[in-house]
Amino acid sequence: MRRMTAAALALLLVAGCAGQPDDIRNRPLGPNPSGFVAAEIGFARLAQEKGQWTAFRETSAPDATMFVPQRVKARDWLRTQKDPVEAVKWQPHAVYVSCDGNVGVTTGAWQKGPANGYFSTVWLRDPKSGKTLWTLDHGDTLTTPRAAPEFIETKQAVCGSRPGVAIDGGNEGEDRAVGLSPDQTLSWTSVVSPDGARRVTVRLWDGTAMTPVIDDRVAAPTPQKP
């Protein structure tokens, strides 16, 4: 496991811009956990500059999904949303990356007024262009805010193996979806129950097994009184 401070991330980003333009265009894209952290930070900054739902729209993949609390196609749902006066703020605390570096999952904390919570976001990187867009986003409120870590933790899947990933059919009535990185070293499963409760689990290949690194569980929303 590696760790990076915000200052270290900035240095990595500057270093990535160094050199001749032709060198940059011709350089193969390798695994880069800091790139997903930078994408999340840029996403959060865009929300403050252009509006919360505008930022979600502009950074989403075509088939991205989110939860309200049932699963929805993000771009369809976001098309009708107006930006709130105050946009939520958020910060990444950790990132988990597939062996090939083309899928990353960030998780961290958010704040809006007196409310606090957490989020987890699945990012896809185009290996040719390097463009990074989110494909799944979810979060929930917390009674006690997540403490900001001194370092942003990064963890990358072990390379060299291509494990088969078993698919669990789940329970009757559940809305279940499974995502898998092209190299099969990172998977994400999202399950929504009929009552709106959900669970998002992310697993990394550690050389012998797909090990859970994120296991978010969101309770069903409280029914509104008539």
C-alpha atoms as a PDB file:
ATOM      1  CA  MET A   1       0.000   0.000   0.000  1.00  0.00           C
ATOM      2  CA  ARG A   2       1.245   3.450  -0.876  1.00  0.00           C
ATOM      3  CA  ARG A   3       0.241   6.776   0.583  1.00  0.00           C
ATOM      4  CA  MET A   4       0.333  10.298  -0.785  1.00  0.00           C
ATOM      5  CA  THR A   5      -0.239  13.720   0.660  1.00  0.00           C
ATOM      6  CA  ALA A   6      -2.067  16.422  -1.259  1.00  0.00           C
ATOM      7  CA  ALA A   7       1.295  18.120  -1.819  1.00  0.00           C
ATOM      8  CA  ALA A   8       2.764  14.920  -3.219  1.00  0.00           C
ATOM      9  CA  LEU A   9      -0.218  14.581  -5.553  1.00  0.00           C
ATOM     10  CA  ALA A  10       0.367  18.104  -6.851  1.00  0.00           C
ATOM     11  CA  LEU A  11       4.010  17.279  -7.558  1.00  0.00           C
ATOM     12  CA  LEU A  12       2.979  14.153  -9.452  1.00  0.00           C
ATOM     13  CA  LEU A  13       0.568  16.153 -11.570  1.00  0.00           C
ATOM     14  CA  VAL A  14       3.221  18.761 -12.374  1.00  0.00           C
ATOM     15  CA  ALA A  15       5.755  16.066 -13.191  1.00  0.00           C
ATOM     16  CA  GLY A  16       3.265  14.438 -15.532  1.00  0.00           C
ATOM     17  CA  CYS A  17       3.113  17.658 -17.531  1.00  0.00           C
ATOM     18  CA  ALA A  18       6.871  17.945 -17.923  1.00  0.00           C
ATOM     19  CA  GLY A  19       8.731  17.047 -21.104  1.00  0.00           C
ATOM     20  CA  GLN A  20       8.013  17.583 -24.775  1.00  0.00           C
ATOM     21  CA  PRO A  21       4.392  17.521 -25.985  1.00  0.00           C
ATOM     22  CA  ASP A  22       5.185  14.802 -28.538  1.00  0.00           C
ATOM     23  CA  ASP A  23       6.639  12.633 -25.787  1.00  0.00           C
ATOM     24  CA  ILE A  24       3.442  12.957 -23.784  1.00  0.00           C
ATOM     25  CA  ARG A  25       1.218  12.059 -26.731  1.00  0.00           C
ATOM     26  CA  ASN A  26       3.274   8.994 -27.606  1.00  0.00           C
ATOM     27  CA  ARG A  27       3.818   7.757 -24.069  1.00  0.00           C
ATOM     28  CA  PRO A  28       1.780   4.619 -23.189  1.00  0.00           C
ATOM     29  CA  LEU A  29      -0.681   5.084 -20.365  1.00  0.00           C
ATOM     30  CA  GLY A  30       0.319   3.044 -17.314  1.00  0.00           C
ATOM     31  CA  PRO A  31      -1.306   2.569 -13.914  1.00  0.00           C
ATOM     32  CA  ASN A  32      -1.644   5.907 -12.147  1.00  0.00           C
ATOM     33  CA  PRO A  33      -3.606   5.945  -8.861  1.00  0.00           C
ATOM     34  CA  SER A  34      -2.987   9.672  -8.491  1.00  0.00           C
ATOM     35  CA  GLY A  35      -4.905  10.235 -11.730  1.00  0.00           C
ATOM     36  CA  PHE A  36      -8.122   8.974 -10.114  1.00  0.00           C
ATOM     37  CA  VAL A  37      -7.501  11.148  -7.052  1.00  0.00           C
ATOM     38  CA  ALA A  38      -7.007  14.120  -9.362  1.00  0.00           C
ATOM     39  CA  ALA A  39     -10.247  13.264 -11.195  1.00  0.00           C
ATOM     40  CA  GLU A  40     -12.162  13.206  -7.899  1.00  0.00           C
ATOM     41  CA  ILE A  41     -10.629  16.485  -6.734  1.00  0.00           C
ATOM     42  CA  GLY A  42     -11.447  18.072 -10.097  1.00  0.00           C
ATOM     43  CA  PHE A  43     -15.012  16.744  -9.859  1.00  0.00           C
ATOM     44  CA  ALA A  44     -15.430  18.331  -6.415  1.00  0.00           C
ATOM     45  CA  ARG A  45     -13.949  21.616  -7.610  1.00  0.00           C
ATOM     46  CA  LEU A  46     -16.271  21.683 -10.630  1.00  0.00           C
ATOM     47  CA  ALA A  47     -19.271  21.305  -8.311  1.00  0.00           C
ATOM     48  CA  GLN A  48     -18.243  24.492  -6.487  1.00  0.00           C
ATOM     49  CA  GLU A  49     -17.486  26.405  -9.675  1.00  0.00           C
ATOM     50  CA  LYS A  50     -20.358  25.379 -11.982  1.00  0.00           C
ATOM     51  CA  GLY A  51     -22.946  23.739  -9.748  1.00  0.00           C
ATOM     52  CA  GLN A  52     -23.461  20.356  -8.117  1.00  0.00           C
ATOM     53  CA  TRP A  53     -25.581  18.544 -10.699  1.00  0.00           C
ATOM     54  CA  THR A  54     -23.790  20.240 -13.582  1.00  0.00           C
ATOM     55  CA  ALA A  55     -20.559  18.688 -12.306  1.00  0.00           C
ATOM     56  CA  PHE A  56     -22.199  15.274 -12.058  1.00  0.00           C
ATOM     57  CA  ARG A  57     -23.490  15.534 -15.626  1.00  0.00           C
ATOM     58  CA  GLU A  58     -20.206  16.697 -17.129  1.00  0.00           C
ATOM     59  CA  THR A  59     -18.075  13.987 -15.516  1.00  0.00           C
ATOM     60  CA  SER A  60     -20.419  10.980 -15.950  1.00  0.00           C
ATOM     61  CA  ALA A  61     -19.943   8.080 -18.340  1.00  0.00           C
ATOM     62  CA  PRO A  62     -22.800   7.463 -20.806  1.00  0.00           C
ATOM     63  CA  ASP A  63     -24.090   4.445 -18.858  1.00  0.00           C
ATOM     64  CA  ALA A  64     -23.316   5.782 -15.354  1.00  0.00           C
ATOM     65  CA  THR A  65     -25.717   4.933 -12.544  1.00  0.00           C
ATOM     66  CA  MET A  66     -26.627   6.495  -9.210  1.00  0.00           C
ATOM     67  CA  PHE A  67     -29.228   5.865  -6.509  1.00  0.00           C
ATOM     68  CA  VAL A  68     -32.205   8.019  -5.457  1.00  0.00           C
ATOM     69  CA  PRO A  69     -32.586   5.552  -3.594  1.00  0.00           C
ATOM     70  CA  GLN A  70     -33.478   3.130  -6.404  1.00  0.00           C
ATOM     71  CA  ARG A  71     -30.948   2.773  -9.199  1.00  0.00           C
ATOM     72  CA  VAL A  72     -31.314   5.272 -12.041  1.00  0.00           C
ATOM     73  CA  LYS A  73     -29.420   6.008 -15.214  1.00  0.00           C
ATOM     74  CA  ALA A  74     -27.477   9.066 -14.120  1.00  0.00           C
ATOM     75  CA  ARG A  75     -27.676  11.205 -17.245  1.00  0.00           C
ATOM     76  CA  ASP A  76     -31.437  10.712 -17.559  1.00  0.00           C
ATOM     77  CA  TRP A  77     -32.054  11.641 -13.921  1.00  0.00           C
ATOM     78  CA  LEU A  78     -29.584  14.537 -13.910  1.00  0.00           C
ATOM     79  CA  ARG A  79     -31.136  16.074 -17.009  1.00  0.00           C
ATOM     80  CA  THR A  80     -34.089  17.313 -14.937  1.00  0.00           C
ATOM     81  CA  GLN A  81     -32.163  18.427 -11.852  1.00  0.00           C
ATOM     82  CA  LYS A  82     -31.423  22.054 -11.050  1.00  0.00           C
ATOM     83  CA  ASP A  83     -28.220  22.942  -9.237  1.00  0.00           C
ATOM     84  CA  PRO A  84     -28.814  23.706  -5.538  1.00  0.00           C
ATOM     85  CA  VAL A  85     -27.714  27.104  -4.236  1.00  0.00           C
ATOM     86  CA  GLU A  86     -25.132  25.392  -2.035  1.00  0.00           C
ATOM     87  CA  ALA A  87     -23.207  22.529  -3.608  1.00  0.00           C
ATOM     88  CA  VAL A  88     -22.020  19.639  -1.514  1.00  0.00           C
ATOM     89  CA  LYS A  89     -18.267  19.586  -0.769  1.00  0.00           C
ATOM     90  CA  TRP A  90     -16.222  16.407  -0.685  1.00  0.00           C
ATOM     91  CA  GLN A  91     -12.673  15.065  -0.375  1.00  0.00           C
ATOM     92  CA  PRO A  92     -11.167  11.680  -1.340  1.00  0.00           C
ATOM     93  CA  HIS A  93      -9.576   9.690   1.488  1.00  0.00           C
ATOM     94  CA  ALA A  94      -8.527   6.539  -0.396  1.00  0.00           C
ATOM     95  CA  VAL A  95      -8.304   5.097  -3.903  1.00  0.00           C
ATOM     96  CA  TYR A  96      -8.293   1.466  -5.088  1.00  0.00           C
ATOM     97  CA  VAL A  97      -7.046   0.673  -8.595  1.00  0.00           C
ATOM     98  CA  SER A  98      -7.093  -2.319 -10.935  1.00  0.00           C
ATOM     99  CA  CYS A  99      -3.789  -3.867 -12.000  1.00  0.00           C
ATOM    100  CA  ASP A 100      -3.961  -2.300 -15.466  1.00  0.00           C
ATOM    101  CA  GLY A 101      -4.893   1.116 -14.051  1.00  0.00           C
ATOM    102  CA  ASN A 102      -8.054   1.493 -16.119  1.00  0.00           C
ATOM    103  CA  VAL A 103     -10.557   1.309 -13.243  1.00  0.00           C
ATOM    104  CA  GLY A 104     -10.291   3.118  -9.931  1.00  0.00           C
ATOM    105  CA  VAL A 105     -12.597   3.566  -6.957  1.00  0.00           C
ATOM    106  CA  THR A 106     -12.359   6.604  -4.703  1.00  0.00           C
ATOM    107  CA  THR A 107     -13.983   6.930  -1.313  1.00  0.00           C
ATOM    108  CA  GLY A 108     -14.052   9.780   1.170  1.00  0.00           C
ATOM    109  CA  ALA A 109     -16.142  12.313   3.062  1.00  0.00           C
ATOM    110  CA  TRP A 110     -18.678  14.994   2.106  1.00  0.00           C
ATOM    111  CA  GLN A 111     -20.152  18.026   3.873  1.00  0.00           C
ATOM    112  CA  LYS A 112     -23.141  20.260   3.236  1.00  0.00           C
ATOM    113  CA  GLY A 113     -24.148  22.769   5.882  1.00  0.00           C
ATOM    114  CA  PRO A 114     -24.442  20.863   9.171  1.00  0.00           C
ATOM    115  CA  ALA A 115     -24.733  17.494   7.388  1.00  0.00           C
ATOM    116  CA  ASN A 116     -21.853  15.065   6.888  1.00  0.00           C
ATOM    117  CA  GLY A 117     -21.476  11.796   5.073  1.00  0.00           C
ATOM    118  CA  TYR A 118     -19.345   9.559   2.901  1.00  0.00           C
ATOM    119  CA  PHE A 119     -19.190   8.634  -0.782  1.00  0.00           C
ATOM    120  CA  SER A 120     -17.713   5.988  -3.052  1.00  0.00           C
ATOM    121  CA  THR A 121     -17.216   6.545  -6.790  1.00  0.00           C
ATOM    122  CA  VAL A 122     -16.186   4.098  -9.520  1.00  0.00           C
ATOM    123  CA  TRP A 123     -14.082   5.677 -12.282  1.00  0.00           C
ATOM    124  CA  LEU A 124     -13.278   4.340 -15.763  1.00  0.00           C
ATOM    125  CA  ARG A 125     -10.223   5.493 -17.691  1.00  0.00           C
ATOM    126  CA  ASP A 126     -10.020   5.206 -21.473  1.00  0.00           C
ATOM    127  CA  PRO A 127      -6.631   3.507 -22.032  1.00  0.00           C
ATOM    128  CA  LYS A 128      -6.143   5.321 -25.348  1.00  0.00           C
ATOM    129  CA  SER A 129      -7.166   8.888 -24.539  1.00  0.00           C
ATOM    130  CA  GLY A 130      -6.654   8.809 -20.781  1.00  0.00           C
ATOM    131  CA  LYS A 131     -10.066  10.457 -20.260  1.00  0.00           C
ATOM    132  CA  THR A 132     -11.591   9.514 -16.906  1.00  0.00           C
ATOM    133  CA  LEU A 133     -15.353   9.449 -16.202  1.00  0.00           C
ATOM    134  CA  TRP A 134     -17.368   8.069 -13.305  1.00  0.00           C
ATOM    135  CA  THR A 135     -19.688   5.125 -13.866  1.00  0.00           C
ATOM    136  CA  LEU A 136     -21.195   4.616 -10.394  1.00  0.00           C
ATOM    137  CA  ASP A 137     -21.625   7.075  -7.554  1.00  0.00           C
ATOM    138  CA  HIS A 138     -23.295   6.682  -4.190  1.00  0.00           C
ATOM    139  CA  GLY A 139     -23.064   7.821  -0.588  1.00  0.00           C
ATOM    140  CA  ASP A 140     -24.946   8.313   2.635  1.00  0.00           C
ATOM    141  CA  THR A 141     -25.115  10.543   5.687  1.00  0.00           C
ATOM    142  CA  LEU A 142     -23.118   9.885   8.862  1.00  0.00           C
ATOM    143  CA  THR A 143     -23.817  10.832  12.461  1.00  0.00           C
ATOM    144  CA  THR A 144     -20.090  11.173  13.109  1.00  0.00           C
ATOM    145  CA  PRO A 145     -18.035  12.689  10.258  1.00  0.00           C
ATOM    146  CA  ARG A 146     -15.225  10.656   8.789  1.00  0.00           C
ATOM    147  CA  ALA A 147     -11.919  12.017  10.030  1.00  0.00           C
ATOM    148  CA  ALA A 148      -9.679  13.326   7.269  1.00  0.00           C
ATOM    149  CA  PRO A 149      -6.548  11.172   7.013  1.00  0.00           C
ATOM    150  CA  GLU A 150      -3.072  12.653   6.986  1.00  0.00           C
ATOM    151  CA  PHE A 151      -2.408  10.774   3.758  1.00  0.00           C
ATOM    152  CA  ILE A 152      -4.598   9.676   0.862  1.00  0.00           C
ATOM    153  CA  GLU A 153      -4.205   5.911   0.864  1.00  0.00           C
ATOM    154  CA  THR A 154      -3.746   4.103  -2.455  1.00  0.00           C
ATOM    155  CA  LYS A 155      -3.895   0.385  -3.119  1.00  0.00           C
ATOM    156  CA  GLN A 156      -3.487  -1.381  -6.432  1.00  0.00           C
ATOM    157  CA  ALA A 157      -4.549  -4.909  -7.353  1.00  0.00           C
ATOM    158  CA  VAL A 158      -1.868  -7.558  -7.731  1.00  0.00           C
ATOM    159  CA  CYS A 159      -0.865  -8.203 -11.352  1.00  0.00           C
ATOM    160  CA  GLY A 160      -0.037 -11.457 -13.082  1.00  0.00           C
ATOM    161  CA  SER A 161      -3.274 -13.376 -12.575  1.00  0.00           C
ATOM    162  CA  ARG A 162      -6.628 -13.225 -14.265  1.00  0.00           C
ATOM    163  CA  PRO A 163      -9.033 -14.786 -11.754  1.00  0.00           C
ATOM    164  CA  GLY A 164     -12.552 -15.805 -12.660  1.00  0.00           C
ATOM    165  CA  VAL A 165     -15.167 -13.844 -10.716  1.00  0.00           C
ATOM    166  CA  ALA A 166     -18.165 -15.741  -9.391  1.00  0.00           C
ATOM    167  CA  ILE A 167     -21.531 -14.048  -9.870  1.00  0.00           C
ATOM    168  CA  ASP A 168     -24.022 -14.243  -7.011  1.00  0.00           C
ATOM    169  CA  GLY A 169     -27.599 -14.251  -8.231  1.00  0.00           C
ATOM    170  CA  GLY A 170     -28.820 -12.540  -5.053  1.00  0.00           C
ATOM    171  CA  ASN A 171     -32.263 -12.626  -3.522  1.00  0.00           C
ATOM    172  CA  GLU A 172     -35.603 -12.357  -5.269  1.00  0.00           C
ATOM    173  CA  GLY A 173     -36.667  -8.774  -5.885  1.00  0.00           C
ATOM    174  CA  GLU A 174     -33.172  -7.309  -5.572  1.00  0.00           C
ATOM    175  CA  ASP A 175     -31.716  -5.010  -8.205  1.00  0.00           C
ATOM    176  CA  ARG A 176     -28.171  -6.350  -8.530  1.00  0.00           C
ATOM    177  CA  ALA A 177     -25.416  -5.200 -10.884  1.00  0.00           C
ATOM    178  CA  VAL A 178     -21.778  -6.312 -11.103  1.00  0.00           C
ATOM    179  CA  GLY A 179     -18.941  -4.400 -12.742  1.00  0.00           C
ATOM    180  CA  LEU A 180     -15.518  -5.796 -13.563  1.00  0.00           C
ATOM    181  CA  SER A 181     -12.299  -4.196 -14.764  1.00  0.00           C
ATOM    182  CA  PRO A 182     -11.083  -5.517 -18.146  1.00  0.00           C
ATOM    183  CA  ASP A 183      -8.215  -7.359 -16.434  1.00  0.00           C
ATOM    184  CA  GLN A 184     -10.625  -8.845 -13.835  1.00  0.00           C
ATOM    185  CA  THR A 185      -8.578  -7.589 -10.866  1.00  0.00           C
ATOM    186  CA  LEU A 186     -11.179  -5.114  -9.534  1.00  0.00           C
ATOM    187  CA  SER A 187     -14.906  -5.689  -9.226  1.00  0.00           C
ATOM    188  CA  TRP A 188     -17.807  -3.701  -7.845  1.00  0.00           C
ATOM    189  CA  THR A 189     -21.227  -5.007  -6.896  1.00  0.00           C
ATOM    190  CA  SER A 190     -24.255  -2.855  -6.152  1.00  0.00           C
ATOM    191  CA  VAL A 191     -27.447  -4.299  -4.712  1.00  0.00           C
ATOM    192  CA  VAL A 192     -30.674  -2.373  -4.112  1.00  0.00           C
ATOM    193  CA  SER A 193     -33.485  -3.975  -2.123  1.00  0.00           C
ATOM    194  CA  PRO A 194     -37.159  -3.298  -2.890  1.00  0.00           C
ATOM    195  CA  ASP A 195     -37.346  -1.049   0.219  1.00  0.00           C
ATOM    196  CA  GLY A 196     -34.495   1.147  -1.060  1.00  0.00           C
ATOM    197  CA  ALA A 197     -31.718  -0.252   1.128  1.00  0.00           C
ATOM    198  CA  ARG A 198     -28.494  -0.848  -0.794  1.00  0.00           C
ATOM    199  CA  ARG A 199     -25.016  -2.282  -0.534  1.00  0.00           C
ATOM    200  CA  VAL A 200     -21.973  -1.405  -2.618  1.00  0.00           C
ATOM    201  CA  THR A 201     -18.958  -3.707  -2.372  1.00  0.00           C
ATOM    202  CA  VAL A 202     -15.592  -3.270  -4.093  1.00  0.00           C
ATOM    203  CA  ARG A 203     -13.058  -6.096  -4.299  1.00  0.00           C
ATOM    204  CA  LEU A 204      -9.387  -6.215  -5.341  1.00  0.00           C
ATOM    205  CA  TRP A 205      -7.349  -9.227  -6.459  1.00  0.00           C
ATOM    206  CA  ASP A 206      -4.597  -9.780  -3.874  1.00  0.00           C
ATOM    207  CA  GLY A 207      -2.872 -12.644  -5.685  1.00  0.00           C
ATOM    208  CA  THR A 208      -5.037 -15.371  -4.196  1.00  0.00           C
ATOM    209  CA  ALA A 209      -8.557 -13.969  -3.794  1.00  0.00           C
ATOM    210  CA  MET A 210     -10.837 -11.052  -4.573  1.00  0.00           C
ATOM    211  CA  THR A 211     -10.630  -9.235  -1.240  1.00  0.00           C
ATOM    212  CA  PRO A 212     -13.249  -6.648  -0.162  1.00  0.00           C
ATOM    213  CA  VAL A 213     -11.769  -3.151   0.252  1.00  0.00           C
ATOM    214  CA  ILE A 214     -15.061  -1.207   0.411  1.00  0.00           C
ATOM    215  CA  ASP A 215     -18.340  -2.505   1.829  1.00  0.00           C
ATOM    216  CA  ASP A 216     -20.861   0.352   2.069  1.00  0.00           C
ATOM    217  CA  ARG A 217     -24.305  -0.427   3.475  1.00  0.00           C
ATOM    218  CA  VAL A 218     -27.145   2.081   3.317  1.00  0.00           C
ATOM    219  CA  ALA A 219     -30.342   1.565   5.307  1.00  0.00           C
ATOM    220  CA  ALA A 220     -33.745   1.854   3.693  1.00  0.00           C
ATOM    221  CA  PRO A 221     -35.125   5.406   3.815  1.00  0.00           C
ATOM    222  CA  THR A 222     -37.602   6.146   6.580  1.00  0.00           C
ATOM    223  CA  PRO A 223     -41.171   6.266   5.191  1.00  0.00           C
ATOM    224  CA  GLN A 224     -42.633   9.755   5.142  1.00  0.00           C
ATOM    225  CA  LYS A 225     -45.701  10.394   7.260  1.00  0.00           C
ATOM    226  CA  PRO A 226     -48.829  11.188   5.224  1.00  0.00           C
END
